[in-house]
Amino acid sequence: MTMVTDAAVMADSPVVALEEALREWRGAERPFSPAALARLDATESFPVAACGALDSAGLPAYYVPVQHGGRLAEFPQVVAMLRAVARHDLTVAIAHGKTFLGAVSVWVSGSPEQARWLGEQITGGAVVCWGLTERGHGSDILAGDLTAERVDEGWRLDGEKWLINNATRSQLMCVLARTSSNGGPRGFSLFLVDKRELPADRVRPTAKIATHGIRGADISGFTVHDVVLPPTALVGEPGTGSETVLKALQLTRTACAALSLGAGDHALRLATSFARHRRLYGRQVAEMPLARDLIGRAAAGVLLAEAVAAVTTRAVHVLPREMSVLAAVCKAFVPTMVQETIGQVAELLGARGYLTEVFEHGEFAKLDRDHRLVGIFDGSTLVNRQMLITQFTRLGRRYGAVDPTVADRLAGLVSGPLPAFDPGALTLTSASGCGLALAVPGLLHRIREQDSGDVGWKGLLADFELACADVHTAIAAHRPTSGMPGADAFALAERYELCVAGAACLLIHAHRLGDGVPSVVLRACLELAVSRLVPGRSGDDEVFDILAEHALAASGPLALFSGDWGEMPW
């Protein structure tokens, strides 16, 4: 099996290089100047200069797998790069990163020749959009009305796509079209369309749609009429479009974690800056217990979300056949957790968070508006929880066995070299359920053997153990019903996400404590997860105060695997 080096330990990491460039670009009158980005948001203008800077830095090459001529060898790397961009501005990250989303169906199912051509186009500067949704159909891609009819010359495309990111600015579009009048799972196909080769009067953009967040992004649509595509435009086999989309969504939903984590980093930076510099009642806000608790819990929320994202991005390489579960957990949990964090920061900032001329060019109000849209990208939170509910039968199996070797078998989810990126290995459902959640009893056994811990730590682990057992018992007892699942099933899916999040913390604890991740950080994350699994639980608030102290002193964003934690107590 081909192996690639773990980017986190590379001295010449492209992630570090991009982060340094982004800091430089924040200067006055530079592409990522906060004042300039605020003006663009106010006028709902596309961030042309910022996207151009990312192009010049070579970011598009990381949207293309190495086998197709790009630099995407490690999925966690491209997620880390998009997180770095989102840390400065979500609109830019969403506008630029959409090319990866538009291309990913070709990486999953396209022919080698098609993928190589697309790779050349993207590295050459072409923008790609993903035409899935239509007016009135929402997330139901099997209700689409845009048609592709087979003709002697290839395929004739007719219809409209709506609410599409970069629909107008893109040169290429990957379009899902109905190829059978009856529709259904085998009634749709994907087509890679080069707009530059089509008659201008047959492809018309629809007007830019005003949005509450990401105001400057090109959220629009397009109509096509009597457009004939060559046979080579078909992606995969006829009738496999919906299957390809569902597999591609496992990658794009995971990539969306970058947007939320970047927004969380940004919110924390604003919170700590405010707390250090604002004085009330004769002292710094940073000295006030309530403010410190808010900052500590907000930091724990971002780090807990990062734990889920970290194992999921590596699972793309290590456990691709379980991505139908992990990607759904990641997309439902990470934006939800980060939005809670943003809400905590809003409570801390008060009115200043929404005054554009008073505090940081109104950055907080903008990121709050922008991030609310992330939760609906590539399937809303409810859509992803429904995806979990459909797999409850498998997820509830075999839980409870204590296997002390499981921590070593899952080590690839948090450390070490990664197998080669192979989108073709993705499956629609996981036959084995979720190995990470099933590993909780074994991980707890391993940690208890390694670390006697204090009474509070032991109690935390015991509460998590009981909660996970209860969740899996309820999942095993769940019986599918026709139609939309009930509210109790969605609540159970939410609790399952917390079990996976806690399991991610345990796995990192088992393998990365000697690699720069302090025990107190993981304990704070687990405290946060268990507090939601066990309402009314009396936890340990001191861990949040310790985390707040480090957040207030840190010179850069907090991160599990790339932050400089220094000497932390505990």
Protein backbone atom coordinates (compact mmCIF):
# COMPACT_ATOMS: atom_id res chain seq x y z
CA MET A 1 0.00 0.00 0.00
CA THR A 2 1.35 3.45 -0.91
CA MET A 3 2.00 5.61 2.13
CA VAL A 4 2.41 9.36 2.47
CA THR A 5 4.10 11.34 5.22
CA ASP A 6 2.05 12.89 8.03
CA ALA A 7 1.92 16.58 7.07
CA ALA A 8 1.65 17.62 10.69
CA VAL A 9 5.33 16.78 11.24
CA MET A 10 6.67 18.27 8.01
CA ALA A 11 8.89 21.29 8.62
CA ASP A 12 8.00 22.68 5.20
CA SER A 13 4.27 22.17 5.61
CA PRO A 14 2.21 24.03 2.97
CA VAL A 15 -0.30 24.69 5.76
CA VAL A 16 2.29 26.71 7.65
CA ALA A 17 3.29 28.54 4.48
CA LEU A 18 -0.34 29.49 3.78
CA GLU A 19 -0.88 30.64 7.37
CA GLU A 20 2.16 32.92 7.10
CA ALA A 21 0.92 34.36 3.81
CA LEU A 22 -2.54 34.97 5.27
CA ARG A 23 -1.06 36.91 8.18
CA GLU A 24 0.88 39.08 5.73
CA TRP A 25 -2.23 39.62 3.59
CA ARG A 26 -4.09 41.04 6.62
CA GLY A 27 -2.06 44.26 6.35
CA ALA A 28 -3.63 47.57 5.42
CA GLU A 29 -4.95 47.59 1.86
CA ARG A 30 -3.96 43.95 1.41
CA PRO A 31 -6.44 41.28 0.14
CA PHE A 32 -7.37 40.01 3.63
CA SER A 33 -7.39 43.38 5.35
CA PRO A 34 -10.30 43.27 7.84
CA ALA A 35 -11.38 46.74 6.77
CA ALA A 36 -11.37 45.78 3.09
CA LEU A 37 -13.32 42.58 3.74
CA ALA A 38 -15.85 44.53 5.81
CA ARG A 39 -16.39 46.93 2.90
CA LEU A 40 -16.92 44.03 0.50
CA ASP A 41 -19.48 42.51 2.86
CA ALA A 42 -21.32 45.82 3.21
CA THR A 43 -21.60 46.18 -0.57
CA GLU A 44 -22.22 42.44 -1.15
CA SER A 45 -19.20 42.36 -3.48
CA PHE A 46 -17.25 39.24 -4.43
CA PRO A 47 -13.79 39.00 -2.79
CA VAL A 48 -11.88 39.01 -6.07
CA ALA A 49 -8.52 40.10 -4.64
CA ALA A 50 -8.57 37.59 -1.77
CA CYS A 51 -9.47 34.68 -4.06
CA GLY A 52 -6.77 35.85 -6.47
CA ALA A 53 -4.21 35.80 -3.67
CA LEU A 54 -5.15 32.19 -2.85
CA ASP A 55 -4.80 31.31 -6.53
CA SER A 56 -1.35 32.86 -6.63
CA ALA A 57 -0.37 30.86 -3.54
CA GLY A 58 -1.27 27.64 -5.36
CA LEU A 59 -4.22 26.58 -3.20
CA PRO A 60 -6.25 25.23 -6.18
CA ALA A 61 -3.63 22.51 -6.70
CA TYR A 62 -4.60 21.07 -3.31
CA TYR A 63 -8.15 20.51 -4.58
CA VAL A 64 -6.78 18.04 -7.15
CA PRO A 65 -5.54 14.54 -6.13
CA VAL A 66 -1.89 13.83 -6.96
CA GLN A 67 -2.92 11.02 -9.33
CA HIS A 68 -4.70 13.62 -11.44
CA GLY A 69 -1.88 16.16 -11.50
CA GLY A 70 -2.50 18.09 -8.28
CA ARG A 71 -1.06 18.15 -4.75
CA LEU A 72 -3.90 16.57 -2.76
CA ALA A 73 -2.13 13.63 -1.13
CA GLU A 74 -3.56 14.03 2.38
CA PHE A 75 -7.17 15.02 2.98
CA PRO A 76 -6.39 16.47 6.44
CA GLN A 77 -3.98 18.87 4.75
CA VAL A 78 -6.52 20.50 2.46
CA VAL A 79 -8.96 20.74 5.39
CA ALA A 80 -6.26 22.47 7.46
CA MET A 81 -5.58 24.92 4.62
CA LEU A 82 -9.26 25.80 4.23
CA ARG A 83 -9.50 26.19 8.02
CA ALA A 84 -6.64 28.70 7.86
CA VAL A 85 -8.52 30.73 5.23
CA ALA A 86 -11.82 30.52 7.13
CA ARG A 87 -10.00 31.74 10.25
CA HIS A 88 -9.69 35.09 8.44
CA ASP A 89 -12.89 35.21 6.38
CA LEU A 90 -15.61 32.62 5.81
CA THR A 91 -16.93 34.21 2.64
CA VAL A 92 -13.55 33.84 0.95
CA ALA A 93 -13.11 30.25 2.15
CA ILE A 94 -16.56 29.27 0.90
CA ALA A 95 -16.16 31.05 -2.44
CA HIS A 96 -12.74 29.59 -3.16
CA GLY A 97 -13.18 26.12 -1.69
CA LYS A 98 -16.30 25.50 -3.77
CA THR A 99 -14.07 24.38 -6.65
CA PHE A 100 -13.10 21.30 -4.64
CA LEU A 101 -16.78 20.54 -4.02
CA GLY A 102 -17.57 20.99 -7.69
CA ALA A 103 -14.79 18.65 -8.77
CA VAL A 104 -15.07 15.88 -6.20
CA SER A 105 -17.68 13.84 -8.13
CA VAL A 106 -15.13 13.44 -10.91
CA TRP A 107 -12.50 12.28 -8.40
CA VAL A 108 -15.01 9.66 -7.19
CA SER A 109 -16.41 8.33 -10.48
CA GLY A 110 -14.83 10.08 -13.46
CA SER A 111 -12.64 8.34 -16.02
CA PRO A 112 -8.84 8.80 -15.69
CA GLU A 113 -8.83 10.97 -18.82
CA GLN A 114 -11.70 13.12 -17.54
CA ALA A 115 -10.10 13.52 -14.11
CA ARG A 116 -6.72 14.40 -15.61
CA TRP A 117 -8.31 17.06 -17.85
CA LEU A 118 -10.25 18.55 -14.96
CA GLY A 119 -7.10 18.58 -12.83
CA GLU A 120 -5.30 20.58 -15.50
CA GLN A 121 -8.19 23.04 -15.69
CA ILE A 122 -8.28 23.63 -11.93
CA THR A 123 -4.54 24.02 -11.50
CA GLY A 124 -4.71 26.42 -14.44
CA GLY A 125 -7.20 28.64 -12.61
CA ALA A 126 -10.64 27.37 -13.65
CA VAL A 127 -13.49 27.64 -11.13
CA VAL A 128 -15.92 24.70 -10.82
CA CYS A 129 -19.45 24.75 -9.38
CA TRP A 130 -21.66 21.85 -8.32
CA GLY A 131 -25.17 22.02 -9.76
CA LEU A 132 -27.31 19.86 -7.49
CA THR A 133 -30.20 21.85 -6.04
CA GLU A 134 -33.28 23.33 -7.70
CA ARG A 135 -36.13 25.65 -6.74
CA GLY A 136 -38.73 24.00 -4.58
CA HIS A 137 -36.82 20.74 -4.06
CA GLY A 138 -34.40 21.66 -1.27
CA SER A 139 -32.19 18.76 -0.24
CA ASP A 140 -34.20 16.22 -2.23
CA ILE A 141 -31.83 15.71 -5.15
CA LEU A 142 -34.03 12.89 -6.50
CA ALA A 143 -36.79 15.41 -7.16
CA GLY A 144 -34.68 17.37 -9.67
CA ASP A 145 -36.32 18.40 -12.93
CA LEU A 146 -33.30 19.39 -15.04
CA THR A 147 -33.10 16.71 -17.73
CA ALA A 148 -30.45 15.14 -19.91
CA GLU A 149 -31.82 13.29 -22.93
CA ARG A 150 -29.65 10.94 -24.95
CA VAL A 151 -29.29 12.09 -28.58
CA ASP A 152 -27.07 11.06 -31.48
CA GLU A 153 -24.45 13.69 -30.60
CA GLY A 154 -24.41 12.83 -26.89
CA TRP A 155 -26.81 14.35 -24.34
CA ARG A 156 -29.25 17.27 -24.54
CA LEU A 157 -29.47 19.29 -21.32
CA ASP A 158 -32.53 21.37 -20.36
CA GLY A 159 -33.62 22.99 -17.12
CA GLU A 160 -32.54 25.14 -14.19
CA LYS A 161 -30.29 24.80 -11.16
CA TRP A 162 -30.73 27.27 -8.33
CA LEU A 163 -28.97 28.36 -5.14
CA ILE A 164 -25.57 27.30 -6.52
CA ASN A 165 -22.29 28.66 -5.19
CA ASN A 166 -20.17 30.16 -8.00
CA ALA A 167 -22.86 29.38 -10.58
CA THR A 168 -22.15 32.61 -12.46
CA ARG A 169 -18.39 33.00 -11.96
CA SER A 170 -17.45 29.39 -12.72
CA GLN A 171 -16.11 28.19 -16.05
CA LEU A 172 -16.98 24.56 -15.39
CA MET A 173 -19.96 22.95 -13.71
CA CYS A 174 -20.74 19.43 -12.56
CA VAL A 175 -24.49 19.02 -13.04
CA LEU A 176 -26.89 16.37 -11.75
CA ALA A 177 -29.58 15.70 -14.35
CA ARG A 178 -32.61 13.44 -14.62
CA THR A 179 -31.85 10.84 -17.32
CA SER A 180 -34.92 8.66 -16.75
CA SER A 181 -38.45 10.01 -16.84
CA ASN A 182 -39.28 7.89 -13.79
CA GLY A 183 -36.41 9.31 -11.78
CA GLY A 184 -35.50 7.26 -8.72
CA PRO A 185 -32.04 6.24 -7.44
CA ARG A 186 -31.00 5.04 -10.92
CA GLY A 187 -32.70 7.83 -12.80
CA PHE A 188 -30.03 10.54 -12.53
CA SER A 189 -26.59 11.08 -14.05
CA LEU A 190 -23.77 13.58 -13.61
CA PHE A 191 -22.26 15.70 -16.37
CA LEU A 192 -19.11 17.80 -16.44
CA VAL A 193 -19.99 20.89 -18.48
CA ASP A 194 -17.54 23.42 -19.90
CA LYS A 195 -19.52 26.65 -20.15
CA ARG A 196 -16.84 28.19 -22.37
CA GLU A 197 -17.74 25.73 -25.13
CA LEU A 198 -21.48 26.42 -25.11
CA PRO A 199 -23.51 29.01 -27.02
CA ALA A 200 -23.94 32.02 -24.72
CA ASP A 201 -27.66 32.31 -25.46
CA ARG A 202 -28.29 28.75 -24.23
CA VAL A 203 -26.66 29.07 -20.81
CA ARG A 204 -27.97 32.00 -18.80
CA PRO A 205 -27.12 32.85 -15.19
CA THR A 206 -29.92 33.68 -12.81
CA ALA A 207 -29.57 36.77 -10.64
CA LYS A 208 -27.36 36.75 -7.56
CA ILE A 209 -29.46 35.81 -4.55
CA ALA A 210 -29.33 38.09 -1.51
CA THR A 211 -28.29 36.15 1.60
CA HIS A 212 -28.04 37.07 5.27
CA GLY A 213 -24.54 35.61 5.51
CA ILE A 214 -21.66 35.27 3.01
CA ARG A 215 -23.12 38.33 1.32
CA GLY A 216 -20.28 38.69 -1.18
CA ALA A 217 -20.34 35.09 -2.42
CA ASP A 218 -21.74 34.26 -5.86
CA ILE A 219 -24.89 32.45 -4.76
CA SER A 220 -26.94 32.32 -7.94
CA GLY A 221 -28.04 29.72 -10.49
CA PHE A 222 -28.27 29.01 -14.19
CA THR A 223 -30.67 27.81 -16.86
CA VAL A 224 -29.68 25.68 -19.82
CA HIS A 225 -31.82 25.25 -22.92
CA ASP A 226 -31.25 22.76 -25.72
CA VAL A 227 -27.57 22.37 -24.83
CA VAL A 228 -25.98 19.35 -26.48
CA LEU A 229 -23.07 17.80 -24.58
CA PRO A 230 -20.57 15.32 -26.03
CA PRO A 231 -20.58 11.73 -24.69
CA THR A 232 -17.36 12.50 -22.80
CA ALA A 233 -19.26 14.92 -20.52
CA LEU A 234 -20.93 12.00 -18.70
CA VAL A 235 -19.31 11.31 -15.30
CA GLY A 236 -19.36 7.58 -14.57
CA GLU A 237 -22.05 5.31 -15.98
CA PRO A 238 -25.58 6.49 -16.87
CA GLY A 239 -27.90 6.27 -13.88
CA THR A 240 -25.14 6.42 -11.25
CA GLY A 241 -25.37 10.14 -10.55
CA SER A 242 -27.13 9.95 -7.19
CA GLU A 243 -24.77 7.22 -5.95
CA THR A 244 -21.75 9.31 -6.94
CA VAL A 245 -23.21 12.39 -5.24
CA LEU A 246 -23.81 10.51 -1.99
CA LYS A 247 -20.23 9.27 -1.97
CA ALA A 248 -18.87 12.70 -2.90
CA LEU A 249 -20.89 14.25 -0.06
CA GLN A 250 -18.93 12.14 2.40
CA LEU A 251 -15.86 14.15 1.39
CA THR A 252 -17.52 17.55 1.07
CA ARG A 253 -19.37 17.24 4.37
CA THR A 254 -16.08 16.45 6.05
CA ALA A 255 -14.40 19.38 4.28
CA CYS A 256 -17.12 21.69 5.66
CA ALA A 257 -15.57 21.12 9.11
CA ALA A 258 -12.75 23.41 7.98
CA LEU A 259 -15.23 26.28 7.63
CA SER A 260 -16.64 25.81 11.12
CA LEU A 261 -13.28 25.31 12.80
CA GLY A 262 -11.92 28.43 11.14
CA ALA A 263 -14.96 30.39 12.31
CA GLY A 264 -14.47 29.02 15.81
CA ASP A 265 -10.81 30.06 15.79
CA HIS A 266 -11.82 33.54 14.62
CA ALA A 267 -14.48 33.87 17.33
CA LEU A 268 -12.03 32.81 20.04
CA ARG A 269 -9.45 35.34 18.84
CA LEU A 270 -12.03 38.11 19.06
CA ALA A 271 -13.17 36.91 22.50
CA THR A 272 -9.70 36.80 24.01
CA SER A 273 -8.70 40.14 22.46
CA PHE A 274 -11.82 41.75 23.90
CA ALA A 275 -11.29 40.17 27.33
CA ARG A 276 -7.65 41.29 27.51
CA HIS A 277 -8.26 44.89 26.46
CA ARG A 278 -11.72 45.73 27.82
CA ARG A 279 -11.97 46.96 31.39
CA LEU A 280 -15.11 46.97 33.54
CA TYR A 281 -15.50 47.97 37.19
CA GLY A 282 -11.80 48.73 37.45
CA ARG A 283 -10.40 45.44 36.12
CA GLN A 284 -9.87 43.48 32.94
CA VAL A 285 -12.76 41.40 31.67
CA ALA A 286 -10.24 38.54 31.46
CA GLU A 287 -10.04 38.54 35.26
CA MET A 288 -13.78 38.04 35.76
CA PRO A 289 -14.85 34.46 36.63
CA LEU A 290 -17.90 34.43 34.34
CA ALA A 291 -15.89 35.70 31.37
CA ARG A 292 -13.16 33.12 32.00
CA ASP A 293 -15.72 30.33 32.20
CA LEU A 294 -17.29 31.43 28.90
CA ILE A 295 -13.89 31.56 27.19
CA GLY A 296 -12.84 28.20 28.61
CA ARG A 297 -16.04 26.48 27.50
CA ALA A 298 -15.91 28.15 24.10
CA ALA A 299 -12.33 26.94 23.63
CA ALA A 300 -13.33 23.44 24.70
CA GLY A 301 -16.17 23.51 22.17
CA VAL A 302 -13.84 24.33 19.27
CA LEU A 303 -11.33 21.70 20.38
CA LEU A 304 -14.04 19.04 20.79
CA ALA A 305 -15.24 19.85 17.28
CA GLU A 306 -11.64 19.58 16.09
CA ALA A 307 -11.32 16.13 17.66
CA VAL A 308 -14.27 14.90 15.59
CA ALA A 309 -12.94 16.57 12.45
CA ALA A 310 -9.44 15.20 12.99
CA VAL A 311 -10.51 11.56 13.13
CA THR A 312 -12.98 12.00 10.25
CA THR A 313 -10.49 13.63 7.87
CA ARG A 314 -7.99 10.85 8.54
CA ALA A 315 -10.74 8.22 8.22
CA VAL A 316 -11.03 9.26 4.56
CA HIS A 317 -7.70 7.44 4.16
CA VAL A 318 -7.85 4.89 6.99
CA LEU A 319 -11.52 3.82 7.14
CA PRO A 320 -13.15 4.94 3.87
CA ARG A 321 -15.87 2.29 4.18
CA GLU A 322 -17.09 3.87 7.42
CA MET A 323 -17.29 7.40 6.04
CA SER A 324 -21.07 7.23 5.56
CA VAL A 325 -21.28 7.31 9.36
CA LEU A 326 -18.33 9.50 10.28
CA ALA A 327 -19.03 12.17 7.65
CA ALA A 328 -22.64 12.46 8.83
CA VAL A 329 -21.49 12.77 12.44
CA CYS A 330 -18.90 15.37 11.47
CA LYS A 331 -21.29 17.50 9.41
CA ALA A 332 -24.03 17.41 12.04
CA PHE A 333 -21.81 17.87 15.09
CA VAL A 334 -19.03 20.29 14.11
CA PRO A 335 -21.13 23.23 12.83
CA THR A 336 -23.59 22.79 15.73
CA MET A 337 -20.82 22.78 18.33
CA VAL A 338 -19.07 25.78 16.80
CA GLN A 339 -22.32 27.74 16.56
CA GLU A 340 -22.74 27.21 20.30
CA THR A 341 -19.24 28.57 20.77
CA ILE A 342 -20.09 31.63 18.68
CA GLY A 343 -23.16 32.14 20.87
CA GLN A 344 -20.98 32.08 24.00
CA VAL A 345 -18.64 34.65 22.48
CA ALA A 346 -21.66 36.81 21.60
CA GLU A 347 -22.68 36.75 25.26
CA LEU A 348 -19.19 37.89 26.25
CA LEU A 349 -18.88 40.68 23.67
CA GLY A 350 -22.36 42.06 24.22
CA ALA A 351 -23.27 45.06 22.05
CA ARG A 352 -19.69 45.50 20.82
CA GLY A 353 -19.95 42.29 18.86
CA TYR A 354 -22.50 43.95 16.59
CA LEU A 355 -21.14 47.51 16.34
CA THR A 356 -19.24 47.71 13.05
CA GLU A 357 -17.46 50.99 13.85
CA VAL A 358 -16.44 50.12 17.41
CA PHE A 359 -14.82 46.68 17.62
CA GLU A 360 -12.67 44.93 14.98
CA HIS A 361 -14.52 46.26 11.91
CA GLY A 362 -17.63 44.29 12.86
CA GLU A 363 -15.83 40.97 12.24
CA PHE A 364 -17.83 39.11 14.87
CA ALA A 365 -21.26 40.01 13.49
CA LYS A 366 -20.06 39.00 10.02
CA LEU A 367 -18.67 35.61 11.07
CA ASP A 368 -21.83 34.92 13.07
CA ARG A 369 -24.00 35.60 9.99
CA ASP A 370 -21.65 33.69 7.70
CA HIS A 371 -21.34 30.61 9.86
CA ARG A 372 -25.07 30.05 10.21
CA LEU A 373 -25.10 28.98 6.57
CA VAL A 374 -22.46 26.29 7.05
CA GLY A 375 -24.95 24.10 8.89
CA ILE A 376 -27.12 23.80 5.77
CA PHE A 377 -24.33 23.25 3.24
CA ASP A 378 -24.13 19.78 1.66
CA GLY A 379 -27.07 18.51 3.67
CA SER A 380 -28.43 20.22 6.77
CA THR A 381 -27.96 18.97 10.32
CA LEU A 382 -31.32 17.17 10.14
CA VAL A 383 -30.39 15.53 6.82
CA ASN A 384 -27.18 14.19 8.30
CA ARG A 385 -28.88 12.96 11.45
CA GLN A 386 -31.42 11.20 9.28
CA MET A 387 -28.49 9.54 7.51
CA LEU A 388 -27.36 8.22 10.89
CA ILE A 389 -30.87 7.06 11.77
CA THR A 390 -31.05 4.97 8.59
CA GLN A 391 -27.93 3.13 9.81
CA PHE A 392 -29.02 2.61 13.44
CA THR A 393 -29.44 -1.13 12.87
CA ARG A 394 -25.72 -1.47 12.15
CA LEU A 395 -24.56 1.15 14.65
CA GLY A 396 -26.11 -0.64 17.61
CA ARG A 397 -24.47 -4.01 16.96
CA ARG A 398 -21.64 -5.53 18.97
CA TYR A 399 -21.32 -2.72 21.50
CA GLY A 400 -19.98 -3.58 24.95
CA ALA A 401 -17.09 -5.95 24.21
CA VAL A 402 -13.86 -4.84 25.89
CA ASP A 403 -11.03 -5.20 23.40
CA PRO A 404 -7.77 -3.72 24.78
CA THR A 405 -6.12 -3.92 21.34
CA VAL A 406 -8.65 -1.65 19.65
CA ALA A 407 -6.71 1.51 20.52
CA ASP A 408 -3.74 0.30 18.51
CA ARG A 409 -5.90 -0.82 15.59
CA LEU A 410 -7.49 2.64 15.37
CA ALA A 411 -4.22 4.54 15.88
CA GLY A 412 -4.20 5.61 12.24
CA LEU A 413 -7.17 7.89 12.96
CA VAL A 414 -4.97 10.21 15.04
CA SER A 415 -1.31 9.63 14.15
CA GLY A 416 1.19 8.09 11.78
CA PRO A 417 1.46 7.82 7.99
CA LEU A 418 -1.71 7.71 5.90
CA PRO A 419 -2.69 5.29 3.13
CA ALA A 420 -3.06 6.92 -0.28
CA PHE A 421 -6.17 9.01 -0.92
CA ASP A 422 -8.62 6.78 -2.83
CA PRO A 423 -12.12 8.25 -3.29
CA GLY A 424 -13.13 5.09 -5.14
CA ALA A 425 -13.01 3.17 -1.84
CA LEU A 426 -16.03 5.02 -0.42
CA THR A 427 -19.28 3.08 0.10
CA LEU A 428 -22.88 4.22 0.48
CA THR A 429 -23.31 2.60 3.91
CA SER A 430 -21.00 1.10 6.50
CA ALA A 431 -21.45 -2.65 6.85
CA SER A 432 -19.46 -2.64 10.09
CA GLY A 433 -21.08 0.38 11.74
CA CYS A 434 -18.68 2.83 13.40
CA GLY A 435 -15.52 1.28 14.76
CA LEU A 436 -14.64 4.37 16.79
CA ALA A 437 -17.89 4.35 18.79
CA LEU A 438 -17.72 0.59 19.25
CA ALA A 439 -14.19 1.00 20.61
CA VAL A 440 -15.25 3.03 23.67
CA PRO A 441 -15.13 0.10 26.17
CA GLY A 442 -11.67 -0.91 24.92
CA LEU A 443 -10.38 2.66 24.94
CA LEU A 444 -11.59 3.16 28.51
CA HIS A 445 -9.86 -0.05 29.54
CA ARG A 446 -6.62 1.13 27.93
CA ILE A 447 -6.72 4.56 29.58
CA ARG A 448 -7.51 3.13 33.01
CA GLU A 449 -4.52 0.81 32.72
CA GLN A 450 -2.21 3.64 31.67
CA ASP A 451 -3.35 6.33 34.09
CA SER A 452 -4.76 5.82 37.56
CA GLY A 453 -6.09 9.38 37.46
CA ASP A 454 -7.75 11.33 40.24
CA VAL A 455 -11.25 10.81 41.52
CA GLY A 456 -12.72 13.46 39.21
CA TRP A 457 -11.14 11.88 36.11
CA LYS A 458 -12.35 8.43 37.13
CA GLY A 459 -15.87 9.75 37.67
CA LEU A 460 -15.84 11.47 34.29
CA LEU A 461 -14.81 8.25 32.53
CA ALA A 462 -17.44 6.27 34.42
CA ASP A 463 -20.21 8.70 33.48
CA PHE A 464 -19.16 8.60 29.83
CA GLU A 465 -19.07 4.80 29.89
CA LEU A 466 -22.61 4.57 31.23
CA ALA A 467 -23.95 7.18 28.83
CA CYS A 468 -22.44 5.43 25.79
CA ALA A 469 -23.91 2.10 26.89
CA ASP A 470 -27.34 3.70 27.27
CA VAL A 471 -27.13 5.32 23.82
CA HIS A 472 -26.14 2.08 22.10
CA THR A 473 -28.85 0.14 23.93
CA ALA A 474 -31.43 2.66 22.68
CA ILE A 475 -30.05 2.49 19.13
CA ALA A 476 -30.17 -1.31 19.14
CA ALA A 477 -33.82 -1.16 20.27
CA HIS A 478 -34.79 1.39 17.61
CA ARG A 479 -37.19 0.11 14.97
CA PRO A 480 -37.36 1.87 11.60
CA THR A 481 -40.66 3.40 10.57
CA SER A 482 -41.97 4.55 7.21
CA GLY A 483 -41.69 8.24 6.46
CA MET A 484 -39.78 10.82 8.47
CA PRO A 485 -38.32 9.53 11.77
CA GLY A 486 -39.74 10.94 14.97
CA ALA A 487 -38.15 13.57 17.20
CA ASP A 488 -36.91 10.88 19.59
CA ALA A 489 -34.82 9.31 16.82
CA PHE A 490 -33.21 12.66 15.95
CA ALA A 491 -32.45 13.27 19.65
CA LEU A 492 -30.84 9.83 19.81
CA ALA A 493 -28.72 10.62 16.75
CA GLU A 494 -27.55 13.80 18.48
CA ARG A 495 -26.54 11.80 21.55
CA TYR A 496 -24.73 9.32 19.31
CA GLU A 497 -22.66 12.18 17.89
CA LEU A 498 -21.55 13.02 21.43
CA CYS A 499 -20.47 9.40 21.96
CA VAL A 500 -18.33 9.58 18.81
CA ALA A 501 -16.91 12.94 19.92
CA GLY A 502 -15.99 11.53 23.32
CA ALA A 503 -14.48 8.44 21.70
CA ALA A 504 -12.31 10.72 19.55
CA CYS A 505 -11.02 12.39 22.73
CA LEU A 506 -10.23 9.00 24.28
CA LEU A 507 -8.37 7.87 21.18
CA ILE A 508 -6.30 11.06 21.10
CA HIS A 509 -5.64 10.61 24.82
CA ALA A 510 -4.37 7.10 24.18
CA HIS A 511 -1.98 8.12 21.40
CA ARG A 512 -1.12 11.81 21.47
CA LEU A 513 -0.51 12.78 25.12
CA GLY A 514 3.21 12.44 24.53
CA ASP A 515 2.90 14.36 21.30
CA GLY A 516 2.01 17.80 22.60
CA VAL A 517 -1.65 17.40 23.59
CA PRO A 518 -2.05 18.01 27.37
CA SER A 519 -4.34 15.79 29.39
CA VAL A 520 -6.27 18.78 30.74
CA VAL A 521 -7.28 19.81 27.22
CA LEU A 522 -8.79 16.42 26.45
CA ARG A 523 -10.40 16.32 29.87
CA ALA A 524 -12.09 19.67 29.22
CA CYS A 525 -13.37 18.41 25.87
CA LEU A 526 -14.70 15.21 27.41
CA GLU A 527 -16.31 17.20 30.25
CA LEU A 528 -18.17 19.20 27.63
CA ALA A 529 -19.40 16.09 25.81
CA VAL A 530 -20.48 14.30 29.00
CA SER A 531 -22.28 17.39 30.31
CA ARG A 532 -24.57 17.09 27.29
CA LEU A 533 -24.95 13.33 27.56
CA VAL A 534 -25.71 13.49 31.30
CA PRO A 535 -27.82 16.63 31.96
CA GLY A 536 -27.47 17.94 35.49
CA ARG A 537 -24.11 16.26 36.02
CA SER A 538 -21.84 18.10 38.46
CA GLY A 539 -18.62 18.38 36.48
CA ASP A 540 -15.21 19.92 37.08
CA ASP A 541 -15.26 23.62 36.17
CA GLU A 542 -11.57 24.07 36.97
CA VAL A 543 -10.53 22.50 33.67
CA PHE A 544 -12.34 25.28 31.79
CA ASP A 545 -10.56 27.94 33.83
CA ILE A 546 -7.20 26.37 32.98
CA LEU A 547 -8.12 26.25 29.30
CA ALA A 548 -9.26 29.88 29.44
CA GLU A 549 -5.92 30.89 30.94
CA HIS A 550 -4.07 29.32 28.05
CA ALA A 551 -6.46 30.77 25.46
CA LEU A 552 -5.92 34.26 26.89
CA ALA A 553 -2.13 33.84 26.83
CA ALA A 554 -1.83 32.10 23.44
CA SER A 555 -0.28 34.05 20.56
CA GLY A 556 -2.15 32.02 17.93
CA PRO A 557 -5.19 29.80 17.52
CA LEU A 558 -5.68 26.81 19.81
CA ALA A 559 -5.43 23.49 17.98
CA LEU A 560 -5.08 19.93 19.20
CA PHE A 561 -2.22 18.91 16.95
CA SER A 562 -0.53 22.13 15.90
CA GLY A 563 -0.87 24.45 18.89
CA ASP A 564 2.01 25.39 21.19
CA TRP A 565 0.57 24.42 24.55
CA GLY A 566 3.70 25.22 26.55
CA GLU A 567 3.64 24.38 30.24
CA MET A 568 0.07 23.78 31.26
CA PRO A 569 -0.83 22.77 34.81
CA TRP A 570 -2.63 19.60 35.84
